[in-house]
């Protein structure tokens, strides 16, 4: 159950990261509210998962999921460039997260 909660917290991390960018320095109301809600959910999920998972592993997986999804979102929306190199390095992040889970 901790792994599922951690994965959902990682998704919430990507949501708050994207919302933070769209808030334009907290001048846009809706993205600012989404940021606060997703941040709270993300931190609560990470904290809950860390009750049974090692801190370093949980944190690395949480960051990896959030960063990967935020980058993928940027690429899909055209906000970030897409290249073979960027996709390769993104795959390395995802592979590292899977590896941390696999050796748990």
PDB file of N, CA and C in Angstrom:
ATOM      1  N   UNK A   1       0.820  -1.194   0.000  1.00  0.00           N
ATOM      2  CA  UNK A   1       0.000   0.000   0.000  1.00  0.00           C
ATOM      3  C   UNK A   1       0.864   1.258   0.000  1.00  0.00           C
ATOM      4  N   UNK A   2       2.004   1.203   0.681  1.00  0.00           N
ATOM      5  CA  UNK A   2       2.888   2.368   0.744  1.00  0.00           C
ATOM      6  C   UNK A   2       3.399   2.757  -0.634  1.00  0.00           C
ATOM      7  N   UNK A   3       3.688   1.760  -1.460  1.00  0.00           N
ATOM      8  CA  UNK A   3       4.182   2.060  -2.800  1.00  0.00           C
ATOM      9  C   UNK A   3       3.107   2.745  -3.642  1.00  0.00           C
ATOM     10  N   UNK A   4       1.878   2.309  -3.521  1.00  0.00           N
ATOM     11  CA  UNK A   4       0.782   2.943  -4.252  1.00  0.00           C
ATOM     12  C   UNK A   4       0.597   4.394  -3.809  1.00  0.00           C
ATOM     13  N   UNK A   5       0.601   4.619  -2.505  1.00  0.00           N
ATOM     14  CA  UNK A   5       0.464   5.978  -1.977  1.00  0.00           C
ATOM     15  C   UNK A   5       1.637   6.836  -2.452  1.00  0.00           C
ATOM     16  N   UNK A   6       2.842   6.269  -2.446  1.00  0.00           N
ATOM     17  CA  UNK A   6       4.015   7.013  -2.896  1.00  0.00           C
ATOM     18  C   UNK A   6       3.895   7.389  -4.368  1.00  0.00           C
ATOM     19  N   UNK A   7       3.402   6.478  -5.191  1.00  0.00           N
ATOM     20  CA  UNK A   7       3.238   6.777  -6.614  1.00  0.00           C
ATOM     21  C   UNK A   7       2.201   7.885  -6.825  1.00  0.00           C
ATOM     22  N   UNK A   8       1.110   7.818  -6.089  1.00  0.00           N
ATOM     23  CA  UNK A   8       0.096   8.875  -6.195  1.00  0.00           C
ATOM     24  C   UNK A   8       0.650  10.207  -5.709  1.00  0.00           C
ATOM     25  N   UNK A   9       1.478  10.173  -4.674  1.00  0.00           N
ATOM     26  CA  UNK A   9       2.122  11.400  -4.186  1.00  0.00           C
ATOM     27  C   UNK A   9       3.066  11.958  -5.246  1.00  0.00           C
ATOM     28  N   UNK A  10       3.737  11.081  -5.983  1.00  0.00           N
ATOM     29  CA  UNK A  10       4.605  11.523  -7.072  1.00  0.00           C
ATOM     30  C   UNK A  10       3.820  12.189  -8.192  1.00  0.00           C
ATOM     31  N   UNK A  11       2.642  11.655  -8.492  1.00  0.00           N
ATOM     32  CA  UNK A  11       1.768  12.281  -9.492  1.00  0.00           C
ATOM     33  C   UNK A  11       1.340  13.666  -8.996  1.00  0.00           C
ATOM     34  N   UNK A  12       0.975  13.747  -7.720  1.00  0.00           N
ATOM     35  CA  UNK A  12       0.580  15.041  -7.150  1.00  0.00           C
ATOM     36  C   UNK A  12       1.748  16.024  -7.190  1.00  0.00           C
ATOM     37  N   UNK A  13       2.974  15.524  -7.060  1.00  0.00           N
ATOM     38  CA  UNK A  13       4.138  16.409  -7.151  1.00  0.00           C
ATOM     39  C   UNK A  13       4.227  17.025  -8.541  1.00  0.00           C
ATOM     40  N   UNK A  14       4.006  16.212  -9.568  1.00  0.00           N
ATOM     41  CA  UNK A  14       4.031  16.744 -10.930  1.00  0.00           C
ATOM     42  C   UNK A  14       2.928  17.779 -11.124  1.00  0.00           C
ATOM     43  N   UNK A  15       1.764  17.532 -10.548  1.00  0.00           N
ATOM     44  CA  UNK A  15       0.648  18.476 -10.662  1.00  0.00           C
ATOM     45  C   UNK A  15       1.018  19.803 -10.026  1.00  0.00           C
ATOM     46  N   UNK A  16       1.585  19.766  -8.802  1.00  0.00           N
ATOM     47  CA  UNK A  16       1.909  21.046  -8.165  1.00  0.00           C
ATOM     48  C   UNK A  16       3.042  21.761  -8.889  1.00  0.00           C
ATOM     49  N   UNK A  17       3.965  21.014  -9.460  1.00  0.00           N
ATOM     50  CA  UNK A  17       5.060  21.656 -10.188  1.00  0.00           C
ATOM     51  C   UNK A  17       4.536  22.387 -11.428  1.00  0.00           C
ATOM     52  N   UNK A  18       3.657  21.728 -12.168  1.00  0.00           N
ATOM     53  CA  UNK A  18       3.074  22.354 -13.357  1.00  0.00           C
ATOM     54  C   UNK A  18       2.207  23.542 -12.950  1.00  0.00           C
ATOM     55  N   UNK A  19       1.398  23.356 -11.906  1.00  0.00           N
ATOM     56  CA  UNK A  19       0.534  24.446 -11.442  1.00  0.00           C
ATOM     57  C   UNK A  19       1.352  25.638 -10.970  1.00  0.00           C
ATOM     58  N   UNK A  20       2.469  25.388 -10.323  1.00  0.00           N
ATOM     59  CA  UNK A  20       3.331  26.479  -9.872  1.00  0.00           C
ATOM     60  C   UNK A  20       3.816  27.304 -11.056  1.00  0.00           C
ATOM     61  N   UNK A  21       4.215  26.624 -12.116  1.00  0.00           N
ATOM     62  CA  UNK A  21       4.650  27.339 -13.311  1.00  0.00           C
ATOM     63  C   UNK A  21       3.530  28.148 -13.947  1.00  0.00           C
ATOM     64  N   UNK A  22       2.337  27.587 -13.949  1.00  0.00           N
ATOM     65  CA  UNK A  22       1.190  28.275 -14.550  1.00  0.00           C
ATOM     66  C   UNK A  22       0.625  29.390 -13.671  1.00  0.00           C
ATOM     67  N   UNK A  23       1.012  29.409 -12.392  1.00  0.00           N
ATOM     68  CA  UNK A  23       0.470  30.428 -11.482  1.00  0.00           C
ATOM     69  C   UNK A  23       1.076  31.812 -11.728  1.00  0.00           C
ATOM     70  N   UNK A  24       2.154  31.851 -12.492  1.00  0.00           N
ATOM     71  CA  UNK A  24       2.848  33.107 -12.806  1.00  0.00           C
ATOM     72  C   UNK A  24       3.149  33.900 -11.533  1.00  0.00           C
ATOM     73  N   UNK A  25       3.852  33.241 -10.625  1.00  0.00           N
ATOM     74  CA  UNK A  25       4.224  33.901  -9.366  1.00  0.00           C
ATOM     75  C   UNK A  25       3.043  34.119  -8.446  1.00  0.00           C
ATOM     76  N   UNK A  26       2.112  33.200  -8.456  1.00  0.00           N
ATOM     77  CA  UNK A  26       0.887  33.238  -7.640  1.00  0.00           C
ATOM     78  C   UNK A  26      -0.031  34.415  -7.997  1.00  0.00           C
ATOM     79  N   UNK A  27       0.047  34.863  -9.238  1.00  0.00           N
ATOM     80  CA  UNK A  27      -0.858  35.930  -9.677  1.00  0.00           C
ATOM     81  C   UNK A  27      -2.112  35.379 -10.344  1.00  0.00           C
ATOM     82  N   UNK A  28      -2.081  34.097 -10.687  1.00  0.00           N
ATOM     83  CA  UNK A  28      -3.249  33.446 -11.296  1.00  0.00           C
ATOM     84  C   UNK A  28      -3.919  32.587 -10.227  1.00  0.00           C
ATOM     85  N   UNK A  29      -5.194  32.850  -9.965  1.00  0.00           N
ATOM     86  CA  UNK A  29      -5.901  32.258  -8.834  1.00  0.00           C
ATOM     87  C   UNK A  29      -6.049  30.741  -8.946  1.00  0.00           C
ATOM     88  N   UNK A  30      -6.573  30.237 -10.058  1.00  0.00           N
ATOM     89  CA  UNK A  30      -6.861  28.800 -10.174  1.00  0.00           C
ATOM     90  C   UNK A  30      -5.592  27.959 -10.079  1.00  0.00           C
ATOM     91  N   UNK A  31      -4.537  28.232 -10.861  1.00  0.00           N
ATOM     92  CA  UNK A  31      -3.330  27.419 -10.708  1.00  0.00           C
ATOM     93  C   UNK A  31      -2.712  27.528  -9.311  1.00  0.00           C
ATOM     94  N   UNK A  32      -2.869  28.665  -8.658  1.00  0.00           N
ATOM     95  CA  UNK A  32      -2.334  28.831  -7.307  1.00  0.00           C
ATOM     96  C   UNK A  32      -3.056  27.918  -6.316  1.00  0.00           C
ATOM     97  N   UNK A  33      -4.370  27.813  -6.460  1.00  0.00           N
ATOM     98  CA  UNK A  33      -5.140  26.923  -5.584  1.00  0.00           C
ATOM     99  C   UNK A  33      -4.796  25.463  -5.879  1.00  0.00           C
ATOM    100  N   UNK A  34      -4.687  25.118  -7.159  1.00  0.00           N
ATOM    101  CA  UNK A  34      -4.296  23.751  -7.538  1.00  0.00           C
ATOM    102  C   UNK A  34      -2.925  23.435  -6.950  1.00  0.00           C
ATOM    103  N   UNK A  35      -2.004  24.384  -7.004  1.00  0.00           N
ATOM    104  CA  UNK A  35      -0.672  24.198  -6.437  1.00  0.00           C
ATOM    105  C   UNK A  35      -0.751  23.858  -4.951  1.00  0.00           C
ATOM    106  N   UNK A  36      -1.485  24.641  -4.180  1.00  0.00           N
ATOM    107  CA  UNK A  36      -1.565  24.440  -2.728  1.00  0.00           C
ATOM    108  C   UNK A  36      -2.184  23.080  -2.403  1.00  0.00           C
ATOM    109  N   UNK A  37      -3.263  22.730  -3.081  1.00  0.00           N
ATOM    110  CA  UNK A  37      -3.938  21.457  -2.809  1.00  0.00           C
ATOM    111  C   UNK A  37      -3.045  20.274  -3.192  1.00  0.00           C
ATOM    112  N   UNK A  38      -2.448  20.345  -4.377  1.00  0.00           N
ATOM    113  CA  UNK A  38      -1.581  19.249  -4.824  1.00  0.00           C
ATOM    114  C   UNK A  38      -0.323  19.144  -3.970  1.00  0.00           C
ATOM    115  N   UNK A  39       0.212  20.284  -3.531  1.00  0.00           N
ATOM    116  CA  UNK A  39       1.389  20.260  -2.658  1.00  0.00           C
ATOM    117  C   UNK A  39       1.062  19.570  -1.342  1.00  0.00           C
ATOM    118  N   UNK A  40      -0.064  19.916  -0.757  1.00  0.00           N
ATOM    119  CA  UNK A  40      -0.461  19.295   0.509  1.00  0.00           C
ATOM    120  C   UNK A  40      -0.670  17.787   0.331  1.00  0.00           C
ATOM    121  N   UNK A  41      -1.343  17.399  -0.754  1.00  0.00           N
ATOM    122  CA  UNK A  41      -1.586  15.970  -1.000  1.00  0.00           C
ATOM    123  C   UNK A  41      -0.277  15.231  -1.244  1.00  0.00           C
ATOM    124  N   UNK A  42       0.616  15.859  -1.989  1.00  0.00           N
ATOM    125  CA  UNK A  42       1.893  15.236  -2.307  1.00  0.00           C
ATOM    126  C   UNK A  42       2.737  15.026  -1.047  1.00  0.00           C
ATOM    127  N   UNK A  43       2.835  16.046  -0.225  1.00  0.00           N
ATOM    128  CA  UNK A  43       3.626  15.934   1.000  1.00  0.00           C
ATOM    129  C   UNK A  43       3.003  14.943   1.984  1.00  0.00           C
ATOM    130  N   UNK A  44       1.684  14.961   2.088  1.00  0.00           N
ATOM    131  CA  UNK A  44       1.012  14.019   2.990  1.00  0.00           C
ATOM    132  C   UNK A  44       1.247  12.583   2.529  1.00  0.00           C
ATOM    133  N   UNK A  45       1.152  12.358   1.234  1.00  0.00           N
ATOM    134  CA  UNK A  45       1.391  11.011   0.706  1.00  0.00           C
ATOM    135  C   UNK A  45       2.821  10.563   0.913  1.00  0.00           C
ATOM    136  N   UNK A  46       3.769  11.458   0.672  1.00  0.00           N
ATOM    137  CA  UNK A  46       5.182  11.127   0.900  1.00  0.00           C
ATOM    138  C   UNK A  46       5.415  10.803   2.370  1.00  0.00           C
ATOM    139  N   UNK A  47       4.886  11.623   3.245  1.00  0.00           N
ATOM    140  CA  UNK A  47       5.064  11.399   4.685  1.00  0.00           C
ATOM    141  C   UNK A  47       4.451  10.065   5.108  1.00  0.00           C
ATOM    142  N   UNK A  48       3.274   9.758   4.583  1.00  0.00           N
ATOM    143  CA  UNK A  48       2.605   8.500   4.935  1.00  0.00           C
ATOM    144  C   UNK A  48       3.415   7.307   4.451  1.00  0.00           C
ATOM    145  N   UNK A  49       3.921   7.384   3.220  1.00  0.00           N
ATOM    146  CA  UNK A  49       4.700   6.278   2.659  1.00  0.00           C
ATOM    147  C   UNK A  49       6.013   6.083   3.417  1.00  0.00           C
ATOM    148  N   UNK A  50       6.586   7.168   3.917  1.00  0.00           N
ATOM    149  CA  UNK A  50       7.862   7.072   4.628  1.00  0.00           C
ATOM    150  C   UNK A  50       7.726   6.403   5.996  1.00  0.00           C
ATOM    151  N   UNK A  51       6.505   6.160   6.418  1.00  0.00           N
ATOM    152  CA  UNK A  51       6.341   5.424   7.681  1.00  0.00           C
ATOM    153  C   UNK A  51       6.856   3.997   7.548  1.00  0.00           C
ATOM    154  N   UNK A  52       6.784   3.428   6.339  1.00  0.00           N
ATOM    155  CA  UNK A  52       7.211   2.038   6.156  1.00  0.00           C
ATOM    156  C   UNK A  52       8.315   1.867   5.117  1.00  0.00           C
ATOM    157  N   UNK A  53       8.565   2.878   4.302  1.00  0.00           N
ATOM    158  CA  UNK A  53       9.614   2.783   3.282  1.00  0.00           C
ATOM    159  C   UNK A  53      10.848   3.564   3.723  1.00  0.00           C
ATOM    160  N   UNK A  54      12.025   3.133   3.306  1.00  0.00           N
ATOM    161  CA  UNK A  54      13.238   3.875   3.643  1.00  0.00           C
ATOM    162  C   UNK A  54      13.170   5.300   3.074  1.00  0.00           C
ATOM    163  N   UNK A  55      13.622   6.251   3.850  1.00  0.00           N
ATOM    164  CA  UNK A  55      13.522   7.657   3.475  1.00  0.00           C
ATOM    165  C   UNK A  55      14.179   7.953   2.128  1.00  0.00           C
ATOM    166  N   UNK A  56      15.399   7.520   1.940  1.00  0.00           N
ATOM    167  CA  UNK A  56      16.111   7.812   0.695  1.00  0.00           C
ATOM    168  C   UNK A  56      15.420   7.231  -0.522  1.00  0.00           C
ATOM    169  N   UNK A  57      14.981   5.994  -0.411  1.00  0.00           N
ATOM    170  CA  UNK A  57      14.286   5.343  -1.522  1.00  0.00           C
ATOM    171  C   UNK A  57      12.968   6.041  -1.812  1.00  0.00           C
ATOM    172  N   UNK A  58      12.193   6.304  -0.763  1.00  0.00           N
ATOM    173  CA  UNK A  58      10.893   6.950  -0.948  1.00  0.00           C
ATOM    174  C   UNK A  58      11.060   8.317  -1.594  1.00  0.00           C
ATOM    175  N   UNK A  59      12.023   9.083  -1.118  1.00  0.00           N
ATOM    176  CA  UNK A  59      12.229  10.427  -1.657  1.00  0.00           C
ATOM    177  C   UNK A  59      12.671  10.370  -3.115  1.00  0.00           C
ATOM    178  N   UNK A  60      13.594   9.477  -3.423  1.00  0.00           N
ATOM    179  CA  UNK A  60      14.087   9.364  -4.802  1.00  0.00           C
ATOM    180  C   UNK A  60      12.973   8.940  -5.757  1.00  0.00           C
ATOM    181  N   UNK A  61      12.150   8.007  -5.337  1.00  0.00           N
ATOM    182  CA  UNK A  61      11.041   7.559  -6.182  1.00  0.00           C
ATOM    183  C   UNK A  61      10.040   8.688  -6.365  1.00  0.00           C
ATOM    184  N   UNK A  62       9.716   9.386  -5.291  1.00  0.00           N
ATOM    185  CA  UNK A  62       8.763  10.507  -5.331  1.00  0.00           C
ATOM    186  C   UNK A  62       9.248  11.588  -6.294  1.00  0.00           C
ATOM    187  N   UNK A  63      10.505  11.975  -6.167  1.00  0.00           N
ATOM    188  CA  UNK A  63      11.071  12.999  -7.044  1.00  0.00           C
ATOM    189  C   UNK A  63      11.131  12.497  -8.486  1.00  0.00           C
ATOM    190  N   UNK A  64      11.537  11.253  -8.653  1.00  0.00           N
ATOM    191  CA  UNK A  64      11.641  10.696 -10.008  1.00  0.00           C
ATOM    192  C   UNK A  64      10.310  10.673 -10.733  1.00  0.00           C
ATOM    193  N   UNK A  65       9.272  10.254 -10.039  1.00  0.00           N
ATOM    194  CA  UNK A  65       7.938  10.222 -10.648  1.00  0.00           C
ATOM    195  C   UNK A  65       7.487  11.637 -10.980  1.00  0.00           C
ATOM    196  N   UNK A  66       7.607  12.532 -10.024  1.00  0.00           N
ATOM    197  CA  UNK A  66       7.172  13.914 -10.240  1.00  0.00           C
ATOM    198  C   UNK A  66       7.926  14.593 -11.369  1.00  0.00           C
ATOM    199  N   UNK A  67       9.236  14.458 -11.360  1.00  0.00           N
ATOM    200  CA  UNK A  67      10.047  15.100 -12.398  1.00  0.00           C
ATOM    201  C   UNK A  67       9.751  14.508 -13.770  1.00  0.00           C
ATOM    202  N   UNK A  68       9.661  13.193 -13.846  1.00  0.00           N
ATOM    203  CA  UNK A  68       9.390  12.541 -15.129  1.00  0.00           C
ATOM    204  C   UNK A  68       8.054  12.975 -15.714  1.00  0.00           C
ATOM    205  N   UNK A  69       7.036  13.005 -14.872  1.00  0.00           N
ATOM    206  CA  UNK A  69       5.715  13.409 -15.360  1.00  0.00           C
ATOM    207  C   UNK A  69       5.679  14.887 -15.737  1.00  0.00           C
ATOM    208  N   UNK A  70       6.352  15.725 -14.972  1.00  0.00           N
ATOM    209  CA  UNK A  70       6.384  17.155 -15.295  1.00  0.00           C
ATOM    210  C   UNK A  70       7.107  17.387 -16.624  1.00  0.00           C
ATOM    211  N   UNK A  71       8.202  16.688 -16.835  1.00  0.00           N
ATOM    212  CA  UNK A  71       8.940  16.807 -18.097  1.00  0.00           C
ATOM    213  C   UNK A  71       8.096  16.279 -19.257  1.00  0.00           C
ATOM    214  N   UNK A  72       7.472  15.118 -19.056  1.00  0.00           N
ATOM    215  CA  UNK A  72       6.628  14.538 -20.106  1.00  0.00           C
ATOM    216  C   UNK A  72       5.482  15.480 -20.460  1.00  0.00           C
ATOM    217  N   UNK A  73       4.863  16.089 -19.457  1.00  0.00           N
ATOM    218  CA  UNK A  73       3.791  17.050 -19.694  1.00  0.00           C
ATOM    219  C   UNK A  73       4.305  18.227 -20.528  1.00  0.00           C
ATOM    220  N   UNK A  74       5.459  18.734 -20.167  1.00  0.00           N
ATOM    221  CA  UNK A  74       6.047  19.839 -20.914  1.00  0.00           C
ATOM    222  C   UNK A  74       6.333  19.468 -22.362  1.00  0.00           C
ATOM    223  N   UNK A  75       6.821  18.268 -22.574  1.00  0.00           N
ATOM    224  CA  UNK A  75       7.101  17.818 -23.936  1.00  0.00           C
ATOM    225  C   UNK A  75       5.803  17.638 -24.729  1.00  0.00           C
ATOM    226  N   UNK A  76       4.798  17.053 -24.097  1.00  0.00           N
ATOM    227  CA  UNK A  76       3.530  16.807 -24.792  1.00  0.00           C
ATOM    228  C   UNK A  76       2.802  18.099 -25.144  1.00  0.00           C
ATOM    229  N   UNK A  77       2.949  19.115 -24.317  1.00  0.00           N
ATOM    230  CA  UNK A  77       2.272  20.386 -24.580  1.00  0.00           C
ATOM    231  C   UNK A  77       3.109  21.328 -25.433  1.00  0.00           C
ATOM    232  N   UNK A  78       4.348  20.955 -25.707  1.00  0.00           N
ATOM    233  CA  UNK A  78       5.217  21.801 -26.509  1.00  0.00           C
ATOM    234  C   UNK A  78       5.945  22.872 -25.713  1.00  0.00           C
ATOM    235  N   UNK A  79       5.769  22.879 -24.396  1.00  0.00           N
ATOM    236  CA  UNK A  79       6.441  23.869 -23.559  1.00  0.00           C
ATOM    237  C   UNK A  79       7.934  23.557 -23.412  1.00  0.00           C
ATOM    238  N   UNK A  80       8.288  22.294 -23.628  1.00  0.00           N
ATOM    239  CA  UNK A  80       9.692  21.879 -23.562  1.00  0.00           C
ATOM    240  C   UNK A  80      10.041  21.138 -24.839  1.00  0.00           C
ATOM    241  N   UNK A  81      11.277  21.268 -25.254  1.00  0.00           N
ATOM    242  CA  UNK A  81      11.709  20.601 -26.478  1.00  0.00           C
ATOM    243  C   UNK A  81      11.797  19.088 -26.269  1.00  0.00           C
ATOM    244  N   UNK A  82      11.647  18.392 -27.364  1.00  0.00           N
ATOM    245  CA  UNK A  82      11.758  16.934 -27.345  1.00  0.00           C
ATOM    246  C   UNK A  82      12.892  16.543 -28.284  1.00  0.00           C
ATOM    247  N   UNK A  83      13.789  15.733 -27.786  1.00  0.00           N
ATOM    248  CA  UNK A  83      14.880  15.227 -28.615  1.00  0.00           C
ATOM    249  C   UNK A  83      15.178  13.802 -28.170  1.00  0.00           C
ATOM    250  N   UNK A  84      15.945  13.127 -28.974  1.00  0.00           N
ATOM    251  CA  UNK A  84      16.331  11.759 -28.622  1.00  0.00           C
ATOM    252  C   UNK A  84      17.100  11.759 -27.306  1.00  0.00           C
ATOM    253  N   UNK A  85      17.981  12.734 -27.126  1.00  0.00           N
ATOM    254  CA  UNK A  85      18.776  12.805 -25.897  1.00  0.00           C
ATOM    255  C   UNK A  85      17.893  13.032 -24.680  1.00  0.00           C
ATOM    256  N   UNK A  86      16.942  13.959 -24.786  1.00  0.00           N
ATOM    257  CA  UNK A  86      16.041  14.233 -23.650  1.00  0.00           C
ATOM    258  C   UNK A  86      15.207  13.000 -23.315  1.00  0.00           C
ATOM    259  N   UNK A  87      14.741  12.296 -24.340  1.00  0.00           N
ATOM    260  CA  UNK A  87      13.960  11.071 -24.108  1.00  0.00           C
ATOM    261  C   UNK A  87      14.827   9.986 -23.474  1.00  0.00           C
ATOM    262  N   UNK A  88      16.074   9.893 -23.896  1.00  0.00           N
ATOM    263  CA  UNK A  88      16.998   8.917 -23.311  1.00  0.00           C
ATOM    264  C   UNK A  88      17.226   9.209 -21.830  1.00  0.00           C
ATOM    265  N   UNK A  89      17.483  10.462 -21.500  1.00  0.00           N
ATOM    266  CA  UNK A  89      17.732  10.815 -20.103  1.00  0.00           C
ATOM    267  C   UNK A  89      16.471  10.684 -19.253  1.00  0.00           C
ATOM    268  N   UNK A  90      15.326  10.964 -19.837  1.00  0.00           N
ATOM    269  CA  UNK A  90      14.061  10.742 -19.139  1.00  0.00           C
ATOM    270  C   UNK A  90      13.867   9.254 -18.863  1.00  0.00           C
ATOM    271  N   UNK A  91      14.194   8.417 -19.837  1.00  0.00           N
ATOM    272  CA  UNK A  91      14.108   6.967 -19.649  1.00  0.00           C
ATOM    273  C   UNK A  91      15.067   6.498 -18.553  1.00  0.00           C
ATOM    274  N   UNK A  92      16.217   7.160 -18.438  1.00  0.00           N
ATOM    275  CA  UNK A  92      17.165   6.802 -17.380  1.00  0.00           C
ATOM    276  C   UNK A  92      16.587   7.124 -16.000  1.00  0.00           C
ATOM    277  N   UNK A  93      15.893   8.249 -15.875  1.00  0.00           N
ATOM    278  CA  UNK A  93      15.249   8.589 -14.597  1.00  0.00           C
ATOM    279  C   UNK A  93      14.214   7.536 -14.257  1.00  0.00           C
ATOM    280  N   UNK A  94      13.373   7.205 -15.220  1.00  0.00           N
ATOM    281  CA  UNK A  94      12.322   6.208 -14.995  1.00  0.00           C
ATOM    282  C   UNK A  94      12.937   4.852 -14.674  1.00  0.00           C
ATOM    283  N   UNK A  95      13.987   4.488 -15.387  1.00  0.00           N
ATOM    284  CA  UNK A  95      14.674   3.222 -15.114  1.00  0.00           C
ATOM    285  C   UNK A  95      15.266   3.184 -13.714  1.00  0.00           C
ATOM    286  N   UNK A  96      15.796   4.301 -13.266  1.00  0.00           N
ATOM    287  CA  UNK A  96      16.339   4.368 -11.908  1.00  0.00           C
ATOM    288  C   UNK A  96      15.264   4.190 -10.858  1.00  0.00           C
ATOM    289  N   UNK A  97      14.109   4.798 -11.078  1.00  0.00           N
ATOM    290  CA  UNK A  97      12.994   4.657 -10.137  1.00  0.00           C
ATOM    291  C   UNK A  97      12.531   3.201 -10.091  1.00  0.00           C
ATOM    292  N   UNK A  98      12.403   2.585 -11.260  1.00  0.00           N
ATOM    293  CA  UNK A  98      12.000   1.172 -11.296  1.00  0.00           C
ATOM    294  C   UNK A  98      13.056   0.310 -10.613  1.00  0.00           C
ATOM    295  N   UNK A  99      14.316   0.636 -10.834  1.00  0.00           N
ATOM    296  CA  UNK A  99      15.397  -0.115 -10.206  1.00  0.00           C
ATOM    297  C   UNK A  99      15.357  -0.024  -8.689  1.00  0.00           C
ATOM    298  N   UNK A 100      15.072   1.153  -8.159  1.00  0.00           N
ATOM    299  CA  UNK A 100      14.973   1.301  -6.699  1.00  0.00           C
ATOM    300  C   UNK A 100      13.845   0.454  -6.133  1.00  0.00           C
ATOM    301  N   UNK A 101      12.751   0.374  -6.852  1.00  0.00           N
ATOM    302  CA  UNK A 101      11.628  -0.462  -6.407  1.00  0.00           C
ATOM    303  C   UNK A 101      11.995  -1.944  -6.524  1.00  0.00           C
ATOM    304  N   UNK A 102      12.672  -2.303  -7.615  1.00  0.00           N
ATOM    305  CA  UNK A 102      12.985  -3.709  -7.880  1.00  0.00           C
ATOM    306  C   UNK A 102      13.941  -4.292  -6.841  1.00  0.00           C
ATOM    307  N   UNK A 103      14.866  -3.502  -6.329  1.00  0.00           N
ATOM    308  CA  UNK A 103      15.841  -4.033  -5.367  1.00  0.00           C
ATOM    309  C   UNK A 103      15.405  -3.850  -3.930  1.00  0.00           C
ATOM    310  N   UNK A 104      14.210  -3.320  -3.724  1.00  0.00           N
ATOM    311  CA  UNK A 104      13.680  -3.074  -2.362  1.00  0.00           C
ATOM    312  C   UNK A 104      13.572  -4.380  -1.591  1.00  0.00           C
TER     313      UNK A 104
END
